[in-house]
Amino acid sequence: MKVEIPVKELSAISLLIATAAVVRMGMNWVAFAIAIPIYGILVKIGLSETLAFTCGFVFGPIQGFITGVLVIVISDLFTTAGFWTPFIAIIIGMVGLFGGILHRLKSNPSIIALGTAAIILTLIRELLQNIWFGWYMWSFYMPEPPFLVVLAATFVDGLPSMVTAVISNTILFTIVMPKIIKMLQEWILLKPLQ
């Protein structure tokens, strides 16, 4: 099966991936440079989910998934790549996939729909990340306490990070994303979001 991707579409997807990866790397480096331990909060302020979702919305679910995965893999190559990279890449890829699904269900979503999508997807992402991280900590570092205790501690410890992610993504999905979608549709698809 031969798949042909128009050059403009490929260049736009590449630009979205590069932008999100660079912003994620920058926030990561800033978080490690600051003496205050706020890594989990700073890395949640970024464009990874927003641009993956946007790519899925404009170009389709597969392109959104690939964008989300590549943002994480590429940025982790230059920062703190570790045991979480494949899992987080799949989660962010799923955010891009849901962007394509939303577009198929509602081609012109309201700001409320985008804000709701941001909140729901962010909470699901945080839930999956915390479950996986809790399991990892329990399996390799803290096998003595019961798993549910480690999982509860993971959720409590991740609460500031989750709140930051929900706020950041809601703002980006409702204010920044519609502008990027319109720009991409005018540039690539020649049909603006109305």
N, C-alpha and C. Protein backbone atom coordinates (compact mmCIF):
# COMPACT_ATOMS: atom_id res chain seq x y z
N MET A 1 0.84 -1.18 0.00
CA MET A 1 0.00 0.00 0.00
C MET A 1 0.88 1.24 0.00
N LYS A 2 0.68 2.09 -0.95
CA LYS A 2 1.47 3.30 -1.07
C LYS A 2 0.68 4.47 -0.51
N VAL A 3 1.31 5.20 0.41
CA VAL A 3 0.66 6.36 1.02
C VAL A 3 1.40 7.61 0.55
N GLU A 4 0.65 8.52 0.00
CA GLU A 4 1.23 9.78 -0.45
C GLU A 4 0.75 10.91 0.45
N ILE A 5 1.70 11.60 1.03
CA ILE A 5 1.37 12.74 1.89
C ILE A 5 1.82 14.00 1.15
N PRO A 6 0.91 14.94 0.93
CA PRO A 6 1.30 16.18 0.25
C PRO A 6 2.44 16.89 1.01
N VAL A 7 3.30 17.54 0.26
CA VAL A 7 4.48 18.18 0.85
C VAL A 7 4.09 19.23 1.88
N LYS A 8 3.06 20.02 1.60
CA LYS A 8 2.63 21.04 2.56
C LYS A 8 2.17 20.41 3.87
N GLU A 9 1.42 19.33 3.76
CA GLU A 9 0.94 18.64 4.97
C GLU A 9 2.11 18.07 5.76
N LEU A 10 3.04 17.42 5.08
CA LEU A 10 4.21 16.86 5.75
C LEU A 10 5.05 17.93 6.42
N SER A 11 5.21 19.07 5.76
CA SER A 11 5.99 20.15 6.35
C SER A 11 5.27 20.75 7.55
N ALA A 12 3.95 20.86 7.49
CA ALA A 12 3.19 21.38 8.63
C ALA A 12 3.27 20.43 9.82
N ILE A 13 3.13 19.12 9.57
CA ILE A 13 3.24 18.15 10.65
C ILE A 13 4.64 18.19 11.26
N SER A 14 5.65 18.28 10.42
CA SER A 14 7.03 18.37 10.92
C SER A 14 7.23 19.61 11.77
N LEU A 15 6.65 20.72 11.35
CA LEU A 15 6.75 21.96 12.12
C LEU A 15 6.07 21.83 13.47
N LEU A 16 4.90 21.19 13.51
CA LEU A 16 4.20 20.98 14.78
C LEU A 16 5.03 20.10 15.71
N ILE A 17 5.60 19.03 15.18
CA ILE A 17 6.43 18.13 15.99
C ILE A 17 7.64 18.87 16.53
N ALA A 18 8.34 19.60 15.66
CA ALA A 18 9.54 20.31 16.08
C ALA A 18 9.23 21.37 17.13
N THR A 19 8.17 22.12 16.93
CA THR A 19 7.79 23.17 17.89
C THR A 19 7.49 22.58 19.25
N ALA A 20 6.65 21.55 19.27
CA ALA A 20 6.28 20.93 20.55
C ALA A 20 7.49 20.31 21.23
N ALA A 21 8.36 19.66 20.46
CA ALA A 21 9.55 19.03 21.05
C ALA A 21 10.50 20.07 21.64
N VAL A 22 10.71 21.17 20.93
CA VAL A 22 11.61 22.21 21.42
C VAL A 22 11.05 22.87 22.68
N VAL A 23 9.75 23.15 22.70
CA VAL A 23 9.14 23.74 23.90
C VAL A 23 9.25 22.77 25.07
N ARG A 24 8.99 21.49 24.83
CA ARG A 24 9.10 20.49 25.90
C ARG A 24 10.53 20.39 26.41
N MET A 25 11.51 20.39 25.51
CA MET A 25 12.91 20.34 25.93
C MET A 25 13.27 21.58 26.74
N GLY A 26 12.83 22.75 26.28
CA GLY A 26 13.12 23.99 26.99
C GLY A 26 12.55 24.00 28.40
N MET A 27 11.29 23.58 28.53
CA MET A 27 10.68 23.53 29.87
C MET A 27 11.40 22.53 30.75
N ASN A 28 11.85 21.44 30.17
CA ASN A 28 12.58 20.42 30.92
C ASN A 28 13.90 20.99 31.44
N TRP A 29 14.63 21.67 30.57
CA TRP A 29 15.92 22.24 30.98
C TRP A 29 15.73 23.33 32.03
N VAL A 30 14.70 24.16 31.87
CA VAL A 30 14.42 25.19 32.87
C VAL A 30 14.08 24.55 34.21
N ALA A 31 13.28 23.50 34.18
CA ALA A 31 12.88 22.82 35.43
C ALA A 31 14.08 22.26 36.17
N PHE A 32 15.06 21.73 35.44
CA PHE A 32 16.26 21.19 36.10
C PHE A 32 17.22 22.29 36.52
N ALA A 33 17.16 23.45 35.87
CA ALA A 33 18.08 24.54 36.21
C ALA A 33 17.66 25.29 37.47
N ILE A 34 16.37 25.25 37.78
CA ILE A 34 15.86 25.96 38.96
C ILE A 34 16.12 25.11 40.20
N ALA A 35 16.55 25.77 41.26
CA ALA A 35 16.87 25.06 42.50
C ALA A 35 15.63 24.52 43.21
N ILE A 36 14.47 25.09 42.91
CA ILE A 36 13.23 24.65 43.55
C ILE A 36 12.74 23.37 42.85
N PRO A 37 12.34 22.35 43.58
CA PRO A 37 11.91 21.09 42.94
C PRO A 37 10.50 21.18 42.35
N ILE A 38 10.39 21.81 41.18
CA ILE A 38 9.08 21.95 40.53
C ILE A 38 9.10 21.35 39.13
N TYR A 39 9.91 20.33 38.94
CA TYR A 39 10.02 19.71 37.63
C TYR A 39 8.66 19.27 37.09
N GLY A 40 7.91 18.53 37.91
CA GLY A 40 6.62 17.99 37.48
C GLY A 40 5.61 19.06 37.09
N ILE A 41 5.76 20.25 37.64
CA ILE A 41 4.84 21.34 37.32
C ILE A 41 5.26 22.03 36.03
N LEU A 42 6.54 22.36 35.91
CA LEU A 42 7.00 23.09 34.72
C LEU A 42 6.86 22.28 33.44
N VAL A 43 7.13 20.99 33.49
CA VAL A 43 7.05 20.21 32.25
C VAL A 43 5.61 20.04 31.77
N LYS A 44 4.63 20.34 32.60
CA LYS A 44 3.23 20.25 32.19
C LYS A 44 2.78 21.49 31.43
N ILE A 45 3.60 22.54 31.47
CA ILE A 45 3.29 23.75 30.71
C ILE A 45 4.00 23.61 29.37
N GLY A 46 3.28 23.24 28.37
CA GLY A 46 3.90 23.02 27.08
C GLY A 46 2.87 22.79 26.01
N LEU A 47 3.37 22.49 24.85
CA LEU A 47 2.50 22.37 23.69
C LEU A 47 2.34 20.93 23.19
N SER A 48 2.87 19.96 23.90
CA SER A 48 2.85 18.58 23.41
C SER A 48 1.44 18.11 23.09
N GLU A 49 0.55 18.17 24.10
CA GLU A 49 -0.82 17.70 23.89
C GLU A 49 -1.56 18.59 22.90
N THR A 50 -1.39 19.90 23.03
CA THR A 50 -2.11 20.83 22.17
C THR A 50 -1.78 20.63 20.70
N LEU A 51 -0.49 20.52 20.38
CA LEU A 51 -0.13 20.39 18.97
C LEU A 51 -0.40 18.99 18.44
N ALA A 52 -0.31 17.96 19.27
CA ALA A 52 -0.69 16.61 18.83
C ALA A 52 -2.19 16.58 18.52
N PHE A 53 -3.00 17.15 19.42
CA PHE A 53 -4.45 17.20 19.22
C PHE A 53 -4.78 18.01 17.97
N THR A 54 -4.12 19.15 17.81
CA THR A 54 -4.35 20.01 16.64
C THR A 54 -4.03 19.26 15.35
N CYS A 55 -2.90 18.56 15.34
CA CYS A 55 -2.51 17.80 14.15
C CYS A 55 -3.57 16.74 13.84
N GLY A 56 -4.03 16.04 14.85
CA GLY A 56 -5.08 15.05 14.64
C GLY A 56 -6.35 15.67 14.12
N PHE A 57 -6.70 16.83 14.68
CA PHE A 57 -7.93 17.52 14.27
C PHE A 57 -7.86 17.96 12.81
N VAL A 58 -6.72 18.51 12.41
CA VAL A 58 -6.61 19.06 11.06
C VAL A 58 -6.31 17.97 10.02
N PHE A 59 -5.38 17.06 10.33
CA PHE A 59 -4.90 16.12 9.32
C PHE A 59 -5.43 14.69 9.47
N GLY A 60 -5.94 14.35 10.63
CA GLY A 60 -6.48 13.01 10.81
C GLY A 60 -5.89 12.31 12.04
N PRO A 61 -6.59 11.27 12.50
CA PRO A 61 -6.18 10.60 13.74
C PRO A 61 -4.80 9.95 13.68
N ILE A 62 -4.45 9.35 12.54
CA ILE A 62 -3.15 8.69 12.44
C ILE A 62 -2.03 9.72 12.51
N GLN A 63 -2.20 10.83 11.79
CA GLN A 63 -1.18 11.88 11.83
C GLN A 63 -1.07 12.47 13.24
N GLY A 64 -2.21 12.62 13.93
CA GLY A 64 -2.18 13.13 15.30
C GLY A 64 -1.45 12.18 16.23
N PHE A 65 -1.71 10.88 16.08
CA PHE A 65 -1.04 9.88 16.91
C PHE A 65 0.47 9.92 16.68
N ILE A 66 0.87 9.92 15.41
CA ILE A 66 2.30 9.94 15.08
C ILE A 66 2.96 11.22 15.61
N THR A 67 2.26 12.33 15.49
CA THR A 67 2.80 13.60 16.00
C THR A 67 3.04 13.51 17.50
N GLY A 68 2.05 13.04 18.26
CA GLY A 68 2.21 12.92 19.70
C GLY A 68 3.36 12.02 20.10
N VAL A 69 3.47 10.88 19.43
CA VAL A 69 4.56 9.93 19.73
C VAL A 69 5.91 10.57 19.43
N LEU A 70 6.05 11.18 18.26
CA LEU A 70 7.34 11.74 17.87
C LEU A 70 7.76 12.93 18.74
N VAL A 71 6.81 13.72 19.20
CA VAL A 71 7.14 14.84 20.09
C VAL A 71 7.86 14.31 21.33
N ILE A 72 7.31 13.27 21.93
CA ILE A 72 7.90 12.73 23.16
C ILE A 72 9.22 12.04 22.88
N VAL A 73 9.27 11.20 21.86
CA VAL A 73 10.50 10.46 21.56
C VAL A 73 11.64 11.43 21.22
N ILE A 74 11.38 12.40 20.36
CA ILE A 74 12.43 13.33 19.96
C ILE A 74 12.88 14.19 21.13
N SER A 75 11.95 14.74 21.89
CA SER A 75 12.35 15.59 23.01
C SER A 75 13.08 14.80 24.08
N ASP A 76 12.67 13.55 24.31
CA ASP A 76 13.35 12.74 25.33
C ASP A 76 14.75 12.33 24.89
N LEU A 77 15.02 12.31 23.61
CA LEU A 77 16.38 12.02 23.16
C LEU A 77 17.37 13.10 23.61
N PHE A 78 16.86 14.31 23.79
CA PHE A 78 17.73 15.44 24.16
C PHE A 78 17.58 15.86 25.62
N THR A 79 16.75 15.18 26.37
CA THR A 79 16.55 15.57 27.77
C THR A 79 16.71 14.37 28.68
N THR A 80 15.65 13.98 29.32
CA THR A 80 15.72 12.94 30.35
C THR A 80 15.07 11.65 29.88
N ALA A 81 15.48 11.18 28.72
CA ALA A 81 14.89 9.94 28.20
C ALA A 81 15.06 8.85 29.24
N GLY A 82 14.04 8.09 29.41
CA GLY A 82 14.14 7.04 30.41
C GLY A 82 13.08 5.99 30.23
N PHE A 83 12.81 5.33 31.30
CA PHE A 83 11.87 4.22 31.29
C PHE A 83 10.47 4.64 30.88
N TRP A 84 10.11 5.90 31.02
CA TRP A 84 8.76 6.36 30.76
C TRP A 84 8.51 6.74 29.30
N THR A 85 9.56 6.91 28.50
CA THR A 85 9.40 7.44 27.15
C THR A 85 8.38 6.67 26.30
N PRO A 86 8.47 5.35 26.17
CA PRO A 86 7.49 4.67 25.31
C PRO A 86 6.05 4.83 25.80
N PHE A 87 5.86 4.74 27.10
CA PHE A 87 4.51 4.82 27.65
C PHE A 87 3.93 6.22 27.47
N ILE A 88 4.70 7.25 27.81
CA ILE A 88 4.24 8.63 27.67
C ILE A 88 4.01 8.96 26.19
N ALA A 89 4.88 8.45 25.32
CA ALA A 89 4.73 8.70 23.88
C ALA A 89 3.39 8.14 23.38
N ILE A 90 3.03 6.97 23.83
CA ILE A 90 1.75 6.39 23.41
C ILE A 90 0.58 7.20 23.95
N ILE A 91 0.69 7.65 25.20
CA ILE A 91 -0.40 8.45 25.79
C ILE A 91 -0.59 9.75 25.01
N ILE A 92 0.49 10.47 24.73
CA ILE A 92 0.38 11.74 23.99
C ILE A 92 -0.07 11.45 22.55
N GLY A 93 0.36 10.33 21.99
CA GLY A 93 -0.13 9.93 20.68
C GLY A 93 -1.64 9.73 20.68
N MET A 94 -2.15 9.17 21.77
CA MET A 94 -3.60 8.97 21.88
C MET A 94 -4.34 10.30 21.95
N VAL A 95 -3.72 11.31 22.54
CA VAL A 95 -4.34 12.64 22.56
C VAL A 95 -4.49 13.14 21.12
N GLY A 96 -3.44 12.95 20.30
CA GLY A 96 -3.52 13.33 18.89
C GLY A 96 -4.57 12.53 18.14
N LEU A 97 -4.67 11.26 18.45
CA LEU A 97 -5.69 10.39 17.85
C LEU A 97 -7.10 10.91 18.16
N PHE A 98 -7.32 11.33 19.41
CA PHE A 98 -8.64 11.85 19.79
C PHE A 98 -8.94 13.19 19.12
N GLY A 99 -7.90 13.95 18.75
CA GLY A 99 -8.14 15.17 17.97
C GLY A 99 -8.79 14.84 16.64
N GLY A 100 -8.29 13.78 15.98
CA GLY A 100 -8.88 13.35 14.71
C GLY A 100 -10.28 12.80 14.89
N ILE A 101 -10.51 12.09 16.00
CA ILE A 101 -11.85 11.55 16.26
C ILE A 101 -12.83 12.68 16.52
N LEU A 102 -12.42 13.70 17.30
CA LEU A 102 -13.31 14.84 17.56
C LEU A 102 -13.71 15.52 16.26
N HIS A 103 -12.74 15.70 15.36
CA HIS A 103 -13.03 16.36 14.10
C HIS A 103 -14.06 15.58 13.29
N ARG A 104 -13.99 14.26 13.35
CA ARG A 104 -14.97 13.44 12.62
C ARG A 104 -16.35 13.53 13.26
N LEU A 105 -16.40 13.72 14.58
CA LEU A 105 -17.68 13.84 15.26
C LEU A 105 -18.26 15.25 15.15
N LYS A 106 -17.38 16.24 15.22
CA LYS A 106 -17.82 17.64 15.20
C LYS A 106 -16.75 18.46 14.50
N SER A 107 -16.99 18.82 13.25
CA SER A 107 -15.96 19.49 12.46
C SER A 107 -15.71 20.94 12.89
N ASN A 108 -16.65 21.53 13.60
CA ASN A 108 -16.48 22.91 14.05
C ASN A 108 -16.84 23.00 15.54
N PRO A 109 -15.97 22.49 16.42
CA PRO A 109 -16.31 22.46 17.84
C PRO A 109 -16.29 23.85 18.47
N SER A 110 -17.13 24.04 19.46
CA SER A 110 -17.16 25.31 20.18
C SER A 110 -15.98 25.36 21.15
N ILE A 111 -15.75 26.55 21.70
CA ILE A 111 -14.70 26.72 22.70
C ILE A 111 -15.00 25.84 23.91
N ILE A 112 -16.27 25.70 24.25
CA ILE A 112 -16.65 24.85 25.39
C ILE A 112 -16.30 23.40 25.09
N ALA A 113 -16.55 22.94 23.88
CA ALA A 113 -16.20 21.56 23.51
C ALA A 113 -14.69 21.35 23.56
N LEU A 114 -13.93 22.33 23.09
CA LEU A 114 -12.47 22.21 23.15
C LEU A 114 -11.97 22.22 24.59
N GLY A 115 -12.54 23.08 25.42
CA GLY A 115 -12.17 23.13 26.83
C GLY A 115 -12.52 21.84 27.54
N THR A 116 -13.69 21.29 27.24
CA THR A 116 -14.09 20.01 27.83
C THR A 116 -13.16 18.90 27.38
N ALA A 117 -12.81 18.88 26.10
CA ALA A 117 -11.86 17.87 25.59
C ALA A 117 -10.52 18.00 26.30
N ALA A 118 -10.07 19.25 26.51
CA ALA A 118 -8.80 19.47 27.20
C ALA A 118 -8.83 18.90 28.61
N ILE A 119 -9.89 19.17 29.34
CA ILE A 119 -9.99 18.70 30.72
C ILE A 119 -10.07 17.18 30.77
N ILE A 120 -10.94 16.59 29.96
CA ILE A 120 -11.11 15.13 29.98
C ILE A 120 -9.83 14.42 29.55
N LEU A 121 -9.24 14.84 28.44
CA LEU A 121 -8.02 14.19 27.96
C LEU A 121 -6.86 14.36 28.94
N THR A 122 -6.75 15.52 29.55
CA THR A 122 -5.67 15.75 30.51
C THR A 122 -5.86 14.87 31.74
N LEU A 123 -7.08 14.76 32.24
CA LEU A 123 -7.33 13.91 33.41
C LEU A 123 -7.07 12.44 33.08
N ILE A 124 -7.48 11.99 31.89
CA ILE A 124 -7.20 10.61 31.50
C ILE A 124 -5.70 10.38 31.38
N ARG A 125 -5.00 11.34 30.76
CA ARG A 125 -3.55 11.22 30.61
C ARG A 125 -2.87 11.16 31.97
N GLU A 126 -3.27 12.04 32.87
CA GLU A 126 -2.68 12.04 34.21
C GLU A 126 -2.98 10.75 34.95
N LEU A 127 -4.19 10.25 34.81
CA LEU A 127 -4.57 8.99 35.45
C LEU A 127 -3.69 7.85 34.95
N LEU A 128 -3.54 7.73 33.63
CA LEU A 128 -2.71 6.66 33.06
C LEU A 128 -1.25 6.80 33.48
N GLN A 129 -0.73 8.03 33.45
CA GLN A 129 0.66 8.25 33.85
C GLN A 129 0.87 7.89 35.31
N ASN A 130 -0.04 8.29 36.18
CA ASN A 130 0.11 8.00 37.60
C ASN A 130 -0.02 6.51 37.91
N ILE A 131 -0.94 5.83 37.23
CA ILE A 131 -1.05 4.38 37.43
C ILE A 131 0.23 3.69 37.01
N TRP A 132 0.74 4.07 35.85
CA TRP A 132 1.97 3.44 35.37
C TRP A 132 3.15 3.76 36.28
N PHE A 133 3.29 5.01 36.69
CA PHE A 133 4.41 5.39 37.54
C PHE A 133 4.29 4.73 38.91
N GLY A 134 3.08 4.65 39.45
CA GLY A 134 2.88 3.96 40.72
C GLY A 134 3.26 2.50 40.62
N TRP A 135 2.87 1.84 39.54
CA TRP A 135 3.24 0.44 39.33
C TRP A 135 4.76 0.31 39.23
N TYR A 136 5.40 1.21 38.48
CA TYR A 136 6.86 1.17 38.31
C TYR A 136 7.55 1.33 39.66
N MET A 137 7.14 2.32 40.43
CA MET A 137 7.77 2.54 41.76
C MET A 137 7.55 1.33 42.66
N TRP A 138 6.35 0.77 42.65
CA TRP A 138 6.04 -0.39 43.49
C TRP A 138 6.85 -1.61 43.05
N SER A 139 6.98 -1.82 41.75
CA SER A 139 7.67 -3.00 41.22
C SER A 139 9.17 -2.98 41.47
N PHE A 140 9.79 -1.80 41.35
CA PHE A 140 11.24 -1.76 41.37
C PHE A 140 11.86 -1.07 42.60
N TYR A 141 11.12 -0.19 43.26
CA TYR A 141 11.73 0.59 44.34
C TYR A 141 11.03 0.44 45.69
N MET A 142 9.75 0.17 45.71
CA MET A 142 8.99 0.14 46.96
C MET A 142 8.07 -1.07 47.01
N PRO A 143 8.60 -2.29 46.96
CA PRO A 143 7.72 -3.46 46.92
C PRO A 143 7.09 -3.82 48.27
N GLU A 144 7.62 -3.22 49.36
CA GLU A 144 7.11 -3.58 50.69
C GLU A 144 5.68 -3.11 50.93
N PRO A 145 5.36 -1.82 50.70
CA PRO A 145 3.97 -1.41 50.95
C PRO A 145 3.04 -2.00 49.88
N PRO A 146 1.77 -2.13 50.21
CA PRO A 146 0.81 -2.61 49.19
C PRO A 146 0.76 -1.65 47.99
N PHE A 147 0.45 -2.21 46.83
CA PHE A 147 0.40 -1.42 45.60
C PHE A 147 -0.53 -0.22 45.73
N LEU A 148 -1.69 -0.42 46.34
CA LEU A 148 -2.65 0.69 46.45
C LEU A 148 -2.11 1.84 47.29
N VAL A 149 -1.28 1.55 48.26
CA VAL A 149 -0.66 2.61 49.06
C VAL A 149 0.31 3.42 48.21
N VAL A 150 1.13 2.71 47.44
CA VAL A 150 2.08 3.39 46.54
C VAL A 150 1.33 4.19 45.49
N LEU A 151 0.25 3.62 44.95
CA LEU A 151 -0.55 4.31 43.94
C LEU A 151 -1.19 5.57 44.51
N ALA A 152 -1.72 5.48 45.73
CA ALA A 152 -2.32 6.65 46.38
C ALA A 152 -1.27 7.73 46.60
N ALA A 153 -0.08 7.34 47.04
CA ALA A 153 1.01 8.31 47.24
C ALA A 153 1.41 8.96 45.92
N THR A 154 1.40 8.18 44.84
CA THR A 154 1.72 8.72 43.52
C THR A 154 0.70 9.76 43.10
N PHE A 155 -0.58 9.48 43.32
CA PHE A 155 -1.64 10.43 42.97
C PHE A 155 -1.54 11.71 43.80
N VAL A 156 -1.29 11.57 45.09
CA VAL A 156 -1.17 12.76 45.96
C VAL A 156 0.03 13.58 45.55
N ASP A 157 1.16 12.91 45.31
CA ASP A 157 2.38 13.62 44.91
C ASP A 157 2.21 14.29 43.55
N GLY A 158 1.40 13.71 42.67
CA GLY A 158 1.21 14.27 41.33
C GLY A 158 0.10 15.29 41.22
N LEU A 159 -0.56 15.61 42.32
CA LEU A 159 -1.69 16.54 42.29
C LEU A 159 -1.31 17.94 41.76
N PRO A 160 -0.21 18.57 42.23
CA PRO A 160 0.14 19.88 41.67
C PRO A 160 0.42 19.81 40.16
N SER A 161 1.05 18.74 39.74
CA SER A 161 1.34 18.56 38.32
C SER A 161 0.04 18.43 37.51
N MET A 162 -0.92 17.68 38.05
CA MET A 162 -2.19 17.49 37.37
C MET A 162 -2.96 18.81 37.24
N VAL A 163 -3.00 19.57 38.32
CA VAL A 163 -3.71 20.85 38.30
C VAL A 163 -3.07 21.78 37.26
N THR A 164 -1.74 21.83 37.24
CA THR A 164 -1.04 22.66 36.26
C THR A 164 -1.36 22.22 34.84
N ALA A 165 -1.37 20.91 34.61
CA ALA A 165 -1.65 20.39 33.26
C ALA A 165 -3.07 20.72 32.82
N VAL A 166 -4.04 20.57 33.72
CA VAL A 166 -5.43 20.88 33.37
C VAL A 166 -5.58 22.35 33.01
N ILE A 167 -5.01 23.23 33.83
CA ILE A 167 -5.10 24.68 33.57
C ILE A 167 -4.40 25.03 32.26
N SER A 168 -3.17 24.56 32.10
CA SER A 168 -2.38 24.86 30.90
C SER A 168 -3.09 24.36 29.64
N ASN A 169 -3.51 23.10 29.64
CA ASN A 169 -4.16 22.55 28.44
C ASN A 169 -5.50 23.21 28.15
N THR A 170 -6.25 23.56 29.17
CA THR A 170 -7.53 24.22 28.94
C THR A 170 -7.31 25.58 28.28
N ILE A 171 -6.34 26.32 28.76
CA ILE A 171 -6.02 27.62 28.16
C ILE A 171 -5.53 27.44 26.72
N LEU A 172 -4.60 26.51 26.52
CA LEU A 172 -4.05 26.31 25.18
C LEU A 172 -5.10 25.77 24.20
N PHE A 173 -5.94 24.84 24.64
CA PHE A 173 -6.96 24.27 23.76
C PHE A 173 -8.01 25.31 23.37
N THR A 174 -8.35 26.22 24.28
CA THR A 174 -9.43 27.16 24.00
C THR A 174 -8.97 28.47 23.37
N ILE A 175 -7.74 28.85 23.62
CA ILE A 175 -7.26 30.15 23.10
C ILE A 175 -6.29 29.98 21.93
N VAL A 176 -5.29 29.11 22.09
CA VAL A 176 -4.25 28.98 21.07
C VAL A 176 -4.66 28.03 19.95
N MET A 177 -5.25 26.89 20.31
CA MET A 177 -5.57 25.87 19.31
C MET A 177 -6.48 26.36 18.18
N PRO A 178 -7.58 27.07 18.46
CA PRO A 178 -8.41 27.53 17.32
C PRO A 178 -7.65 28.38 16.32
N LYS A 179 -6.72 29.19 16.80
CA LYS A 179 -5.92 30.03 15.89
C LYS A 179 -4.98 29.17 15.03
N ILE A 180 -4.37 28.15 15.64
CA ILE A 180 -3.47 27.27 14.89
C ILE A 180 -4.27 26.44 13.88
N ILE A 181 -5.43 25.96 14.29
CA ILE A 181 -6.28 25.18 13.38
C ILE A 181 -6.66 26.02 12.17
N LYS A 182 -7.09 27.25 12.43
CA LYS A 182 -7.49 28.13 11.32
C LYS A 182 -6.31 28.41 10.40
N MET A 183 -5.15 28.68 10.97
CA MET A 183 -3.97 28.95 10.16
C MET A 183 -3.60 27.74 9.30
N LEU A 184 -3.61 26.55 9.91
CA LEU A 184 -3.27 25.34 9.15
C LEU A 184 -4.29 25.06 8.06
N GLN A 185 -5.55 25.23 8.37
CA GLN A 185 -6.58 24.98 7.36
C GLN A 185 -6.48 25.95 6.21
N GLU A 186 -6.17 27.20 6.49
CA GLU A 186 -6.01 28.17 5.41
C GLU A 186 -4.75 27.89 4.58
N TRP A 187 -3.69 27.49 5.25
CA TRP A 187 -2.41 27.28 4.57
C TRP A 187 -2.37 25.95 3.82
N ILE A 188 -2.81 24.90 4.48
CA ILE A 188 -2.68 23.56 3.91
C ILE A 188 -3.94 23.13 3.16
N LEU A 189 -5.07 23.22 3.82
CA LEU A 189 -6.29 22.66 3.27
C LEU A 189 -7.13 23.69 2.51
N LEU A 190 -6.77 24.93 2.63
CA LEU A 190 -7.45 26.02 1.94
C LEU A 190 -8.94 26.11 2.31
N LYS A 191 -9.28 25.75 3.56
CA LYS A 191 -10.65 25.93 4.04
C LYS A 191 -10.60 26.25 5.54
N PRO A 192 -10.87 27.50 5.89
CA PRO A 192 -10.77 27.92 7.29
C PRO A 192 -11.88 27.37 8.19
N LEU A 193 -11.55 27.25 9.47
CA LEU A 193 -12.53 26.91 10.50
C LEU A 193 -13.44 28.11 10.68
N GLN A 194 -14.74 27.91 10.66
CA GLN A 194 -15.68 29.04 10.71
C GLN A 194 -16.15 29.29 12.10
